[in-house]
Every structure is written in structure tokens, then in C-alpha cells.
Protein backbone atom coordinates (compact mmCIF):
# COMPACT_ATOMS: atom_id res chain seq x y z
CA UNK A 1 -37.14 44.70 7.45
CA UNK A 2 -33.50 43.79 7.96
CA UNK A 3 -31.66 40.91 6.33
CA UNK A 4 -28.59 39.09 7.59
CA UNK A 5 -26.51 40.91 4.98
CA UNK A 6 -27.75 44.30 6.07
CA UNK A 7 -27.05 43.46 9.72
CA UNK A 8 -23.72 41.62 9.37
CA UNK A 9 -22.52 43.25 6.19
CA UNK A 10 -21.15 41.56 3.10
CA UNK A 11 -19.39 38.34 4.19
CA UNK A 12 -17.05 38.63 1.18
CA UNK A 13 -15.80 41.91 2.62
CA UNK A 14 -14.75 40.17 5.81
CA UNK A 15 -11.70 38.00 5.01
CA UNK A 16 -11.72 36.36 8.44
CA UNK A 17 -15.08 34.73 7.56
CA UNK A 18 -13.83 33.19 4.32
CA UNK A 19 -12.09 29.82 4.15
CA UNK A 20 -8.36 30.20 3.61
CA UNK A 21 -7.19 30.17 0.01
CA UNK A 22 -5.26 26.94 -0.58
CA UNK A 23 -1.56 27.69 -0.73
CA UNK A 24 0.38 25.98 -3.48
CA UNK A 25 3.47 26.65 -5.51
CA UNK A 26 3.05 28.80 -8.58
CA UNK A 27 6.51 28.79 -10.16
CA UNK A 28 9.11 26.17 -11.05
CA UNK A 29 11.32 27.51 -8.25
CA UNK A 30 8.48 27.10 -5.74
CA UNK A 31 7.82 23.52 -6.91
CA UNK A 32 11.56 22.80 -6.56
CA UNK A 33 11.34 24.28 -3.06
CA UNK A 34 8.37 22.04 -2.26
CA UNK A 35 10.42 19.01 -3.38
CA UNK A 36 13.38 20.13 -1.23
CA UNK A 37 11.15 20.58 1.82
CA UNK A 38 9.66 17.08 1.39
CA UNK A 39 13.17 15.65 0.81
CA UNK A 40 14.37 17.25 4.05
CA UNK A 41 11.65 15.42 6.02
CA UNK A 42 13.30 12.00 5.73
CA UNK A 43 11.43 10.69 8.78
CA UNK A 44 8.17 11.14 6.85
CA UNK A 45 9.06 9.64 3.45
CA UNK A 46 11.69 6.98 4.30
CA UNK A 47 9.33 4.59 6.15
CA UNK A 48 7.05 4.56 3.08
CA UNK A 49 9.73 3.32 0.65
CA UNK A 50 9.30 -0.20 -0.69
CA UNK A 51 11.36 -2.13 -3.24
CA UNK A 52 9.97 -4.37 -5.97
CA UNK A 53 12.32 -6.77 -7.74
CA UNK A 54 10.17 -6.84 -10.90
CA UNK A 55 9.59 -3.12 -11.51
CA UNK A 56 10.07 0.33 -10.07
CA UNK A 57 7.97 0.92 -6.97
CA UNK A 58 6.01 4.16 -6.67
CA UNK A 59 3.42 5.78 -4.43
CA UNK A 60 1.66 9.11 -4.61
CA UNK A 61 2.65 11.05 -1.47
CA UNK A 62 0.61 14.18 -1.86
CA UNK A 63 -1.76 16.06 -4.11
CA UNK A 64 -2.52 19.73 -4.07
CA UNK A 65 -4.32 22.20 -6.27
CA UNK A 66 -2.81 21.53 -9.68
CA UNK A 67 0.05 19.23 -8.67
CA UNK A 68 0.95 15.83 -7.27
CA UNK A 69 4.01 14.34 -5.59
CA UNK A 70 5.30 10.79 -6.21
CA UNK A 71 7.88 8.73 -4.31
CA UNK A 72 9.79 6.11 -6.35
CA UNK A 73 12.33 3.44 -5.53
CA UNK A 74 14.81 1.96 -7.99
CA UNK A 75 16.73 -1.25 -7.56
CA UNK A 76 19.95 -1.61 -9.58
CA UNK A 77 19.12 -2.01 -13.27
CA UNK A 78 15.58 -0.62 -13.08
CA UNK A 79 14.66 2.01 -15.66
CA UNK A 80 11.74 4.25 -16.60
CA UNK A 81 12.28 3.71 -20.32
CA UNK A 82 12.47 6.70 -22.64
CA UNK A 83 9.31 8.81 -22.18
CA UNK A 84 7.75 12.24 -21.79
CA UNK A 85 5.09 13.46 -19.35
CA UNK A 86 2.51 14.83 -21.77
CA UNK A 87 1.30 18.29 -20.73
CA UNK A 88 2.93 18.14 -17.28
CA UNK A 89 6.06 19.90 -16.12
CA UNK A 90 8.04 18.35 -13.32
CA UNK A 91 10.81 18.40 -10.77
CA UNK A 92 12.80 15.22 -10.09
CA UNK A 93 14.81 15.08 -6.85
CA UNK A 94 17.14 12.23 -5.89
CA UNK A 95 16.56 11.41 -2.22
CA UNK A 96 18.93 8.47 -1.81
CA UNK A 97 21.58 6.82 -3.99
CA UNK A 98 22.17 8.00 -7.53
CA UNK A 99 20.36 7.79 -10.85
CA UNK A 100 21.40 8.36 -14.46
CA UNK A 101 19.22 10.52 -16.69
CA UNK A 102 19.45 10.37 -20.46
CA UNK A 103 17.56 13.14 -22.28
CA UNK A 104 16.91 14.14 -25.87
CA UNK A 105 17.98 17.53 -27.17
CA UNK A 106 17.30 19.67 -30.22
CA UNK A 107 15.47 18.26 -33.24
CA UNK A 108 15.43 14.77 -31.70
CA UNK A 109 12.62 15.78 -29.36
CA UNK A 110 8.92 15.34 -30.02
CA UNK A 111 6.57 13.45 -32.28
CA UNK A 112 7.93 12.68 -35.72
CA UNK A 113 11.57 13.25 -34.80
CA UNK A 114 13.77 10.67 -36.43
CA UNK A 115 16.92 8.87 -35.40
CA UNK A 116 20.05 10.91 -35.74
CA UNK A 117 18.26 14.25 -35.43
CA UNK A 118 19.25 16.07 -32.28
CA UNK A 119 21.44 14.66 -29.59
CA UNK A 120 21.40 13.05 -26.20
CA UNK A 121 22.71 14.19 -22.87
CA UNK A 122 23.53 11.70 -20.13
CA UNK A 123 24.07 12.87 -16.57
CA UNK A 124 24.47 11.24 -13.18
CA UNK A 125 22.14 12.61 -10.54
CA UNK A 126 23.62 12.14 -7.07
CA UNK A 127 21.69 12.36 -3.82
CA UNK A 128 20.20 15.85 -3.50
CA UNK A 129 20.32 16.59 -7.25
CA UNK A 130 17.26 18.15 -8.86
CA UNK A 131 16.12 18.36 -12.47
CA UNK A 132 13.22 20.51 -13.64
CA UNK A 133 11.57 19.92 -17.00
CA UNK A 134 8.79 21.31 -19.17
CA UNK A 135 6.04 19.53 -21.10
CA UNK A 136 7.42 17.47 -23.98
CA UNK A 137 10.77 16.81 -22.28
CA UNK A 138 11.93 13.33 -23.35
CA UNK A 139 14.13 11.40 -20.94
CA UNK A 140 14.96 8.05 -19.40
CA UNK A 141 15.92 7.54 -15.76
CA UNK A 142 17.84 4.42 -14.76
CA UNK A 143 19.58 3.12 -11.67
CA UNK A 144 22.89 1.92 -13.12
CA UNK A 145 24.56 1.93 -9.68
CA UNK A 146 25.05 -1.06 -7.41
CA UNK A 147 22.85 0.33 -4.61
CA UNK A 148 19.10 1.07 -4.52
CA UNK A 149 17.96 4.64 -5.13
CA UNK A 150 14.93 6.70 -4.12
CA UNK A 151 13.55 9.74 -5.94
CA UNK A 152 10.78 12.28 -5.52
CA UNK A 153 8.78 13.61 -8.49
CA UNK A 154 6.53 16.67 -8.45
CA UNK A 155 4.27 17.07 -11.51
CA UNK A 156 2.24 20.16 -12.38
CA UNK A 157 -0.40 19.83 -13.49
CA UNK A 158 -0.81 16.36 -12.02
CA UNK A 159 0.43 13.55 -14.23
CA UNK A 160 -2.23 12.27 -16.65
CA UNK A 161 -0.09 10.62 -19.30
CA UNK A 162 3.35 9.24 -20.03
CA UNK A 163 4.27 8.78 -23.68
CA UNK A 164 6.89 6.07 -24.23
CA UNK A 165 9.48 6.69 -26.93
CA UNK A 166 11.52 4.18 -28.89
CA UNK A 167 15.14 4.03 -27.81
CA UNK A 168 16.39 4.40 -31.40
CA UNK A 169 14.43 7.59 -32.10
CA UNK A 170 12.35 10.08 -30.18
CA UNK A 171 9.17 9.16 -32.06
CA UNK A 172 6.50 8.09 -29.55
CA UNK A 173 5.36 4.46 -29.71
CA UNK A 174 1.98 5.18 -28.14
CA UNK A 175 0.44 7.34 -25.46
CA UNK A 176 -0.06 5.67 -22.11
CA UNK A 177 -2.72 7.29 -19.97
CA UNK A 178 -2.08 5.74 -16.60
CA UNK A 179 -1.32 7.18 -13.21
CA UNK A 180 0.32 3.88 -12.30
CA UNK A 181 2.81 4.33 -15.13
CA UNK A 182 3.37 7.73 -13.59
CA UNK A 183 6.49 8.82 -12.08
CA UNK A 184 9.36 8.64 -14.47
């Protein structure tokens, strides 16, 4: 007696019968490319931007296998506070306006690091600027300009925690496990 497998053959040997493998970035450069391609499609993201006078506004734009994309708006004076992204790496892209990023360097990074150990770097990120970072990267993003700003954040793996850090040292205050606190 014949079976479907003996008649049709092994379906795993016939790629056209299999569902397509989900395509997703696999390197930092590919995630940066994903962010640039989303940034280039202004007609898609710009209508979604909202501004909130009390806090940064954010919305998750996309999820994929192992990553998620967030859109944020920043009114003048709004800040993320000093934080890290737990086990996630990320790519931050400024879509509109400018933002200032302050990051920790050297021994001033990570749990238990005290004040005065390591240094800080402050940089202005103009429209189109990108920053990539690894897990444990401690930074603060602030809109210190006079105009609103918009940024795009790609996290891989998807963001599951944001650890706030005291401004006087890089020692974490507490872990925040909240997608809403996300995008920083």
C-alpha cells in the first residue's frame, strides 16, 4: 500500500511546499539598516507621532523574530533619565530634530560602580544620526533643543527591562520591567 509520503515524496525535501523562513536582521549592521529603511519611510511613521506634555510619548511600531521597533517623541526638556536596557542591544536613530546623549564609560558602567569611576561622554545627535549599543550600555537621552524631536529605537532581543541609574553614579536604583518604560 502507498502512503502520501511515498507518492509525493518527503515534503521537507521540497522547499516550495514549506512556509518561508521569516527574514530578520542578524547583525548590528543589519539592524541599523532596518532602522534606516524605516526612517526613510517618513510617510509611514510621521502620521503616528504624538506629543505628550507630561512625558515622552512612545509606540511600538513593529515586532519581528527577536526584535522590536519603537517610535518616540520628545518635547523640549524631556529626558529618558540615566538607564540601561538589560540584556538588549539597540540602535537609536534620530528621525527629526536633535537629541543629546550622555553615556557612561570605563569603570563607571554597571552595577556597583561608584561616583568618580569612569567618565561620561556627551554628544549631540542630529537628524539622521544613529547610535548602536550593547547590553549594559548606560546612557541618558534628552531633548535640550527648543524644537520637538522624534527618534526610532530598535531593540534585540525585544526590550524586557530598563534599569534606571542614579545621576551621581552608575549604580542602578532598581530594575524596571516594563515595556511602557521602554524606549530610551
